[in-house]
Amino acid sequence: MTTNTQARTGAWTPLRHRVFLALWLAQLGSNIGSWMQTVGGQWFLVEREASPLVVSLMQTANLGPALLLSLVAGVLADAWDRRRLLILTNVLAAAASIGLTVVAALGMLGAGGLLAFTVLIGAAVALGAPAWQAIQPDLVPREEIPAAAALGGVGVNVARAVGPALAGVLLALTTPRSCSASTRPASSPPRSCCCSGARPRPRRSIRSRSGRPSVRVAGTCFRPRASSACCCGRRCS
């Protein structure tokens, strides 16, 4: 039985599910846009004769929020509705991207403004990343979860290869400011629309022995004050 199941489950099998396919394509487009925006932003700083330190801060502003907010993002993915969290974070990323586009179109974009908008976009993406990873098992059957996780890695690596190449083509046709400001807004709204159509299976809440809700966050048990026992079987203060 296991052999037959593995035979039927190929590397691309999860893409047969419409919601997973839509979210995977939206995630791929968002990652490509992120890399294009990073490359365009770095060239923009180079053209403005910024110091090497400021140019290197572009990558830090893009990926730094993931390092600082990973624990908080994981807690939010467990405590909140993941679909709504994905919608919220993608709307925030789209709003910051549109703000970056408007400021660049008005000719008011500087090094500080570019880094600030990049931090905002990176923070929104970082807060939604654990929810995206955790929602995948709700979109495909159990036996297809390994293939779905592998496809997520494929999308990240494809975007890492394709995004900078497309950014180079766009830089040759336009200006670094246009490349940095226009790529991210084009990739965020489709992801928000796809997240709104995802309907994960409801999850059962963890309850303590007293029947009251209990949540475990980062190894710590939280319970209502009136309860004497928590979900872990110990008396937690």
C-alpha atoms as a PDB file:
ATOM      1  CA  MET A   1       0.000   0.000   0.000  1.00  0.00           C
ATOM      2  CA  THR A   2       2.795   2.412   0.884  1.00  0.00           C
ATOM      3  CA  THR A   3       4.586   1.664  -2.374  1.00  0.00           C
ATOM      4  CA  ASN A   4       1.435   2.301  -4.400  1.00  0.00           C
ATOM      5  CA  THR A   5       0.827   5.582  -2.572  1.00  0.00           C
ATOM      6  CA  GLN A   6       4.365   6.777  -3.224  1.00  0.00           C
ATOM      7  CA  ALA A   7       4.021   5.825  -6.873  1.00  0.00           C
ATOM      8  CA  ARG A   8       0.889   7.895  -7.241  1.00  0.00           C
ATOM      9  CA  THR A   9       2.449  10.868  -5.434  1.00  0.00           C
ATOM     10  CA  GLY A  10       4.969  12.524  -7.739  1.00  0.00           C
ATOM     11  CA  ALA A  11       7.055  15.630  -7.238  1.00  0.00           C
ATOM     12  CA  TRP A  12       4.477  17.802  -9.027  1.00  0.00           C
ATOM     13  CA  THR A  13       1.335  16.116  -7.678  1.00  0.00           C
ATOM     14  CA  PRO A  14       0.435  18.921  -5.194  1.00  0.00           C
ATOM     15  CA  LEU A  15       0.079  21.333  -8.123  1.00  0.00           C
ATOM     16  CA  ARG A  16      -3.102  19.502  -9.122  1.00  0.00           C
ATOM     17  CA  HIS A  17      -4.868  21.208  -6.222  1.00  0.00           C
ATOM     18  CA  ARG A  18      -6.148  24.572  -7.420  1.00  0.00           C
ATOM     19  CA  VAL A  19      -5.659  26.522  -4.184  1.00  0.00           C
ATOM     20  CA  PHE A  20      -2.147  25.204  -3.626  1.00  0.00           C
ATOM     21  CA  LEU A  21      -1.212  25.937  -7.237  1.00  0.00           C
ATOM     22  CA  ALA A  22      -2.513  29.503  -6.980  1.00  0.00           C
ATOM     23  CA  LEU A  23      -0.666  30.155  -3.716  1.00  0.00           C
ATOM     24  CA  TRP A  24       2.522  28.555  -5.030  1.00  0.00           C
ATOM     25  CA  LEU A  25       2.495  30.703  -8.164  1.00  0.00           C
ATOM     26  CA  ALA A  26       1.721  33.807  -6.105  1.00  0.00           C
ATOM     27  CA  GLN A  27       4.571  32.968  -3.719  1.00  0.00           C
ATOM     28  CA  LEU A  28       6.916  32.443  -6.678  1.00  0.00           C
ATOM     29  CA  GLY A  29       5.951  35.800  -8.186  1.00  0.00           C
ATOM     30  CA  SER A  30       6.357  37.532  -4.832  1.00  0.00           C
ATOM     31  CA  ASN A  31       9.839  36.086  -4.324  1.00  0.00           C
ATOM     32  CA  ILE A  32      10.880  37.080  -7.844  1.00  0.00           C
ATOM     33  CA  GLY A  33       9.615  40.610  -7.221  1.00  0.00           C
ATOM     34  CA  SER A  34      11.506  40.741  -3.937  1.00  0.00           C
ATOM     35  CA  TRP A  35      14.803  39.850  -5.598  1.00  0.00           C
ATOM     36  CA  MET A  36      14.182  42.318  -8.423  1.00  0.00           C
ATOM     37  CA  GLN A  37      13.454  45.067  -5.906  1.00  0.00           C
ATOM     38  CA  THR A  38      16.627  44.249  -3.975  1.00  0.00           C
ATOM     39  CA  VAL A  39      18.832  44.353  -7.082  1.00  0.00           C
ATOM     40  CA  GLY A  40      17.185  47.556  -8.320  1.00  0.00           C
ATOM     41  CA  GLY A  41      17.576  49.168  -4.903  1.00  0.00           C
ATOM     42  CA  GLN A  42      21.263  48.328  -4.738  1.00  0.00           C
ATOM     43  CA  TRP A  43      21.882  49.800  -8.192  1.00  0.00           C
ATOM     44  CA  PHE A  44      19.882  52.872  -7.177  1.00  0.00           C
ATOM     45  CA  LEU A  45      22.171  53.384  -4.193  1.00  0.00           C
ATOM     46  CA  VAL A  46      25.260  52.840  -6.350  1.00  0.00           C
ATOM     47  CA  GLU A  47      24.112  55.471  -8.848  1.00  0.00           C
ATOM     48  CA  ARG A  48      23.568  57.919  -5.995  1.00  0.00           C
ATOM     49  CA  GLU A  49      27.193  57.274  -4.974  1.00  0.00           C
ATOM     50  CA  ALA A  50      26.224  55.879  -1.596  1.00  0.00           C
ATOM     51  CA  SER A  51      28.907  54.365   0.581  1.00  0.00           C
ATOM     52  CA  PRO A  52      29.560  50.602   0.435  1.00  0.00           C
ATOM     53  CA  LEU A  53      28.084  50.307   3.929  1.00  0.00           C
ATOM     54  CA  VAL A  54      24.789  51.841   2.818  1.00  0.00           C
ATOM     55  CA  VAL A  55      24.665  49.588  -0.263  1.00  0.00           C
ATOM     56  CA  SER A  56      25.201  46.505   1.905  1.00  0.00           C
ATOM     57  CA  LEU A  57      22.410  47.655   4.230  1.00  0.00           C
ATOM     58  CA  MET A  58      19.940  47.037   1.392  1.00  0.00           C
ATOM     59  CA  GLN A  59      20.256  43.277   1.826  1.00  0.00           C
ATOM     60  CA  THR A  60      20.213  43.679   5.603  1.00  0.00           C
ATOM     61  CA  ALA A  61      16.995  45.689   5.436  1.00  0.00           C
ATOM     62  CA  ASN A  62      15.425  43.015   3.253  1.00  0.00           C
ATOM     63  CA  LEU A  63      16.352  39.937   5.305  1.00  0.00           C
ATOM     64  CA  GLY A  64      17.014  41.410   8.758  1.00  0.00           C
ATOM     65  CA  PRO A  65      13.332  41.452   9.809  1.00  0.00           C
ATOM     66  CA  ALA A  66      13.148  37.686   9.238  1.00  0.00           C
ATOM     67  CA  LEU A  67      15.911  37.207  11.818  1.00  0.00           C
ATOM     68  CA  LEU A  68      14.342  39.555  14.365  1.00  0.00           C
ATOM     69  CA  LEU A  69      10.680  38.601  13.945  1.00  0.00           C
ATOM     70  CA  SER A  70      10.864  34.837  13.320  1.00  0.00           C
ATOM     71  CA  LEU A  71       9.856  33.860  16.866  1.00  0.00           C
ATOM     72  CA  VAL A  72       6.986  36.374  16.981  1.00  0.00           C
ATOM     73  CA  ALA A  73       5.825  35.282  13.533  1.00  0.00           C
ATOM     74  CA  GLY A  74       5.737  31.637  14.630  1.00  0.00           C
ATOM     75  CA  VAL A  75       3.626  32.510  17.671  1.00  0.00           C
ATOM     76  CA  LEU A  76       1.197  34.491  15.514  1.00  0.00           C
ATOM     77  CA  ALA A  77       0.896  31.599  13.040  1.00  0.00           C
ATOM     78  CA  ASP A  78      -0.115  29.279  15.897  1.00  0.00           C
ATOM     79  CA  ALA A  79      -2.409  31.681  17.738  1.00  0.00           C
ATOM     80  CA  TRP A  80      -4.257  33.394  14.853  1.00  0.00           C
ATOM     81  CA  ASP A  81      -6.161  32.273  11.819  1.00  0.00           C
ATOM     82  CA  ARG A  82      -3.418  31.624   9.273  1.00  0.00           C
ATOM     83  CA  ARG A  83      -5.437  32.615   6.243  1.00  0.00           C
ATOM     84  CA  ARG A  84      -6.316  36.000   7.735  1.00  0.00           C
ATOM     85  CA  LEU A  85      -2.729  36.488   8.898  1.00  0.00           C
ATOM     86  CA  LEU A  86      -1.474  35.846   5.359  1.00  0.00           C
ATOM     87  CA  ILE A  87      -3.989  38.289   3.927  1.00  0.00           C
ATOM     88  CA  LEU A  88      -3.052  40.953   6.495  1.00  0.00           C
ATOM     89  CA  THR A  89       0.700  40.632   6.017  1.00  0.00           C
ATOM     90  CA  ASN A  90       0.417  40.681   2.226  1.00  0.00           C
ATOM     91  CA  VAL A  91      -1.833  43.741   2.318  1.00  0.00           C
ATOM     92  CA  LEU A  92       0.722  45.491   4.525  1.00  0.00           C
ATOM     93  CA  ALA A  93       3.520  44.524   2.127  1.00  0.00           C
ATOM     94  CA  ALA A  94       1.492  45.780  -0.835  1.00  0.00           C
ATOM     95  CA  ALA A  95       0.748  49.067   0.957  1.00  0.00           C
ATOM     96  CA  ALA A  96       4.430  49.635   1.722  1.00  0.00           C
ATOM     97  CA  SER A  97       5.332  48.750  -1.869  1.00  0.00           C
ATOM     98  CA  ILE A  98       2.800  51.209  -3.252  1.00  0.00           C
ATOM     99  CA  GLY A  99       4.158  53.879  -0.910  1.00  0.00           C
ATOM    100  CA  LEU A 100       7.657  53.194  -2.232  1.00  0.00           C
ATOM    101  CA  THR A 101       6.380  53.520  -5.805  1.00  0.00           C
ATOM    102  CA  VAL A 102       4.617  56.816  -5.110  1.00  0.00           C
ATOM    103  CA  VAL A 103       7.636  58.346  -3.377  1.00  0.00           C
ATOM    104  CA  ALA A 104       9.917  57.222  -6.207  1.00  0.00           C
ATOM    105  CA  ALA A 105       7.540  58.565  -8.869  1.00  0.00           C
ATOM    106  CA  LEU A 106       7.540  61.970  -7.147  1.00  0.00           C
ATOM    107  CA  GLY A 107      11.342  62.050  -7.213  1.00  0.00           C
ATOM    108  CA  MET A 108      11.562  62.155  -3.424  1.00  0.00           C
ATOM    109  CA  LEU A 109      13.184  58.762  -2.874  1.00  0.00           C
ATOM    110  CA  GLY A 110      16.500  58.786  -1.070  1.00  0.00           C
ATOM    111  CA  ALA A 111      18.733  56.185   0.501  1.00  0.00           C
ATOM    112  CA  GLY A 112      17.051  56.446   3.898  1.00  0.00           C
ATOM    113  CA  GLY A 113      13.556  56.219   2.448  1.00  0.00           C
ATOM    114  CA  LEU A 114      14.464  53.199   0.326  1.00  0.00           C
ATOM    115  CA  LEU A 115      15.913  51.362   3.310  1.00  0.00           C
ATOM    116  CA  ALA A 116      12.907  52.266   5.482  1.00  0.00           C
ATOM    117  CA  PHE A 117      10.386  50.971   2.945  1.00  0.00           C
ATOM    118  CA  THR A 118      12.483  47.835   2.450  1.00  0.00           C
ATOM    119  CA  VAL A 119      12.412  47.167   6.193  1.00  0.00           C
ATOM    120  CA  LEU A 120       8.629  47.556   6.257  1.00  0.00           C
ATOM    121  CA  ILE A 121       8.189  45.161   3.335  1.00  0.00           C
ATOM    122  CA  GLY A 122      10.624  42.670   4.851  1.00  0.00           C
ATOM    123  CA  ALA A 123       8.821  42.805   8.211  1.00  0.00           C
ATOM    124  CA  ALA A 124       5.457  42.089   6.589  1.00  0.00           C
ATOM    125  CA  VAL A 125       6.898  39.166   4.641  1.00  0.00           C
ATOM    126  CA  ALA A 126       8.672  37.803   7.732  1.00  0.00           C
ATOM    127  CA  LEU A 127       5.468  37.886   9.810  1.00  0.00           C
ATOM    128  CA  GLY A 128       3.612  35.880   7.168  1.00  0.00           C
ATOM    129  CA  ALA A 129       6.308  33.313   6.332  1.00  0.00           C
ATOM    130  CA  PRO A 130       5.565  30.800   9.146  1.00  0.00           C
ATOM    131  CA  ALA A 131       1.828  30.990   8.403  1.00  0.00           C
ATOM    132  CA  TRP A 132       2.517  30.188   4.747  1.00  0.00           C
ATOM    133  CA  GLN A 133       4.652  27.177   5.709  1.00  0.00           C
ATOM    134  CA  ALA A 134       2.126  25.952   8.283  1.00  0.00           C
ATOM    135  CA  ILE A 135      -0.896  26.306   6.013  1.00  0.00           C
ATOM    136  CA  GLN A 136       0.465  23.990   3.318  1.00  0.00           C
ATOM    137  CA  PRO A 137      -0.542  20.727   5.103  1.00  0.00           C
ATOM    138  CA  ASP A 138      -4.129  22.020   5.108  1.00  0.00           C
ATOM    139  CA  LEU A 139      -4.120  22.461   1.322  1.00  0.00           C
ATOM    140  CA  VAL A 140      -2.931  19.009   0.191  1.00  0.00           C
ATOM    141  CA  PRO A 141      -3.550  15.415   1.360  1.00  0.00           C
ATOM    142  CA  ARG A 142      -1.253  13.994   3.998  1.00  0.00           C
ATOM    143  CA  GLU A 143       0.735  11.827   1.607  1.00  0.00           C
ATOM    144  CA  GLU A 144       1.532  14.872  -0.580  1.00  0.00           C
ATOM    145  CA  ILE A 145       2.946  17.051   2.213  1.00  0.00           C
ATOM    146  CA  PRO A 146       6.630  16.139   1.514  1.00  0.00           C
ATOM    147  CA  ALA A 147       6.190  16.979  -2.164  1.00  0.00           C
ATOM    148  CA  ALA A 148       4.467  20.263  -1.280  1.00  0.00           C
ATOM    149  CA  ALA A 149       7.322  21.215   1.053  1.00  0.00           C
ATOM    150  CA  ALA A 150       9.844  20.375  -1.672  1.00  0.00           C
ATOM    151  CA  LEU A 151       7.953  22.537  -4.168  1.00  0.00           C
ATOM    152  CA  GLY A 152       8.172  25.417  -1.707  1.00  0.00           C
ATOM    153  CA  GLY A 153      11.957  25.101  -1.739  1.00  0.00           C
ATOM    154  CA  VAL A 154      11.941  24.863  -5.526  1.00  0.00           C
ATOM    155  CA  GLY A 155      10.000  28.118  -5.747  1.00  0.00           C
ATOM    156  CA  VAL A 156      12.471  29.913  -3.477  1.00  0.00           C
ATOM    157  CA  ASN A 157      15.498  28.758  -5.480  1.00  0.00           C
ATOM    158  CA  VAL A 158      13.885  29.477  -8.851  1.00  0.00           C
ATOM    159  CA  ALA A 159      13.072  33.018  -7.705  1.00  0.00           C
ATOM    160  CA  ARG A 160      16.637  33.442  -6.460  1.00  0.00           C
ATOM    161  CA  ALA A 161      17.930  32.588  -9.933  1.00  0.00           C
ATOM    162  CA  VAL A 162      15.289  34.283 -12.085  1.00  0.00           C
ATOM    163  CA  GLY A 163      14.707  37.480 -10.067  1.00  0.00           C
ATOM    164  CA  PRO A 164      18.174  39.057 -10.395  1.00  0.00           C
ATOM    165  CA  ALA A 165      18.316  38.085 -14.097  1.00  0.00           C
ATOM    166  CA  LEU A 166      14.997  39.802 -14.808  1.00  0.00           C
ATOM    167  CA  ALA A 167      16.124  42.783 -12.764  1.00  0.00           C
ATOM    168  CA  GLY A 168      19.202  43.080 -14.976  1.00  0.00           C
ATOM    169  CA  VAL A 169      17.029  43.147 -18.101  1.00  0.00           C
ATOM    170  CA  LEU A 170      14.724  45.746 -16.560  1.00  0.00           C
ATOM    171  CA  LEU A 171      17.686  47.867 -15.463  1.00  0.00           C
ATOM    172  CA  ALA A 172      18.977  47.870 -19.033  1.00  0.00           C
ATOM    173  CA  LEU A 173      15.603  49.106 -20.308  1.00  0.00           C
ATOM    174  CA  THR A 174      14.686  51.582 -17.547  1.00  0.00           C
ATOM    175  CA  THR A 175      16.352  53.130 -14.491  1.00  0.00           C
ATOM    176  CA  PRO A 176      17.308  51.610 -11.120  1.00  0.00           C
ATOM    177  CA  ARG A 177      14.673  53.746  -9.402  1.00  0.00           C
ATOM    178  CA  SER A 178      11.940  52.345 -11.651  1.00  0.00           C
ATOM    179  CA  CYS A 179      13.153  48.784 -11.155  1.00  0.00           C
ATOM    180  CA  SER A 180      13.298  49.126  -7.385  1.00  0.00           C
ATOM    181  CA  ALA A 181       9.923  50.838  -7.042  1.00  0.00           C
ATOM    182  CA  SER A 182       7.729  49.044  -9.567  1.00  0.00           C
ATOM    183  CA  THR A 183       8.524  45.341  -9.181  1.00  0.00           C
ATOM    184  CA  ARG A 184       7.282  44.733  -5.640  1.00  0.00           C
ATOM    185  CA  PRO A 185       3.792  46.328  -5.998  1.00  0.00           C
ATOM    186  CA  ALA A 186       3.167  44.150  -9.051  1.00  0.00           C
ATOM    187  CA  SER A 187       3.816  40.945  -7.088  1.00  0.00           C
ATOM    188  CA  SER A 188       2.128  41.552  -3.711  1.00  0.00           C
ATOM    189  CA  PRO A 189      -1.582  42.045  -4.622  1.00  0.00           C
ATOM    190  CA  PRO A 190      -1.936  38.691  -6.480  1.00  0.00           C
ATOM    191  CA  ARG A 191      -0.638  36.902  -3.409  1.00  0.00           C
ATOM    192  CA  SER A 192      -3.203  38.649  -1.202  1.00  0.00           C
ATOM    193  CA  CYS A 193      -6.027  37.652  -3.566  1.00  0.00           C
ATOM    194  CA  CYS A 194      -4.886  34.021  -3.601  1.00  0.00           C
ATOM    195  CA  CYS A 195      -4.687  33.926   0.208  1.00  0.00           C
ATOM    196  CA  SER A 196      -8.269  35.176   0.452  1.00  0.00           C
ATOM    197  CA  GLY A 197      -9.438  32.130  -1.504  1.00  0.00           C
ATOM    198  CA  ALA A 198      -7.644  29.580   0.664  1.00  0.00           C
ATOM    199  CA  ARG A 199      -9.931  27.730   3.062  1.00  0.00           C
ATOM    200  CA  PRO A 200      -7.853  25.549   5.394  1.00  0.00           C
ATOM    201  CA  ARG A 201      -9.453  22.859   7.503  1.00  0.00           C
ATOM    202  CA  PRO A 202     -10.402  24.093  10.982  1.00  0.00           C
ATOM    203  CA  ARG A 203      -7.939  23.261  13.726  1.00  0.00           C
ATOM    204  CA  ARG A 204      -8.898  21.977  17.126  1.00  0.00           C
ATOM    205  CA  SER A 205      -7.874  24.244  19.981  1.00  0.00           C
ATOM    206  CA  ILE A 206      -5.817  22.836  22.865  1.00  0.00           C
ATOM    207  CA  ARG A 207      -7.732  22.766  26.118  1.00  0.00           C
ATOM    208  CA  SER A 208      -6.636  22.184  29.660  1.00  0.00           C
ATOM    209  CA  ARG A 209      -8.100  19.578  32.000  1.00  0.00           C
ATOM    210  CA  SER A 210     -10.606  22.126  33.200  1.00  0.00           C
ATOM    211  CA  GLY A 211     -11.940  22.534  29.676  1.00  0.00           C
ATOM    212  CA  ARG A 212     -10.617  26.081  29.294  1.00  0.00           C
ATOM    213  CA  PRO A 213      -8.470  27.115  26.337  1.00  0.00           C
ATOM    214  CA  SER A 214      -4.727  26.800  26.829  1.00  0.00           C
ATOM    215  CA  VAL A 215      -1.916  27.903  24.529  1.00  0.00           C
ATOM    216  CA  ARG A 216       1.703  26.786  24.489  1.00  0.00           C
ATOM    217  CA  VAL A 217       4.026  29.544  23.260  1.00  0.00           C
ATOM    218  CA  ALA A 218       7.787  29.008  22.941  1.00  0.00           C
ATOM    219  CA  GLY A 219       7.710  26.139  25.482  1.00  0.00           C
ATOM    220  CA  THR A 220       5.627  28.052  28.051  1.00  0.00           C
ATOM    221  CA  CYS A 221       2.081  27.099  28.983  1.00  0.00           C
ATOM    222  CA  PHE A 222      -0.463  29.900  29.337  1.00  0.00           C
ATOM    223  CA  ARG A 223      -3.839  29.242  30.954  1.00  0.00           C
ATOM    224  CA  PRO A 224      -6.656  31.177  32.652  1.00  0.00           C
ATOM    225  CA  ARG A 225      -5.812  32.163  36.228  1.00  0.00           C
ATOM    226  CA  ALA A 226      -8.675  30.107  37.672  1.00  0.00           C
ATOM    227  CA  SER A 227      -7.385  26.827  36.233  1.00  0.00           C
ATOM    228  CA  SER A 228      -5.096  24.634  38.347  1.00  0.00           C
ATOM    229  CA  ALA A 229      -3.685  22.387  35.615  1.00  0.00           C
ATOM    230  CA  CYS A 230      -2.439  23.126  32.138  1.00  0.00           C
ATOM    231  CA  CYS A 231      -2.323  21.129  28.941  1.00  0.00           C
ATOM    232  CA  CYS A 232       1.130  19.776  29.844  1.00  0.00           C
ATOM    233  CA  GLY A 233      -0.160  18.165  33.062  1.00  0.00           C
ATOM    234  CA  ARG A 234       1.828  20.483  35.330  1.00  0.00           C
ATOM    235  CA  ARG A 235       0.868  23.415  37.489  1.00  0.00           C
ATOM    236  CA  CYS A 236       2.054  26.418  35.456  1.00  0.00           C
ATOM    237  CA  SER A 237       2.351  29.847  37.019  1.00  0.00           C
END
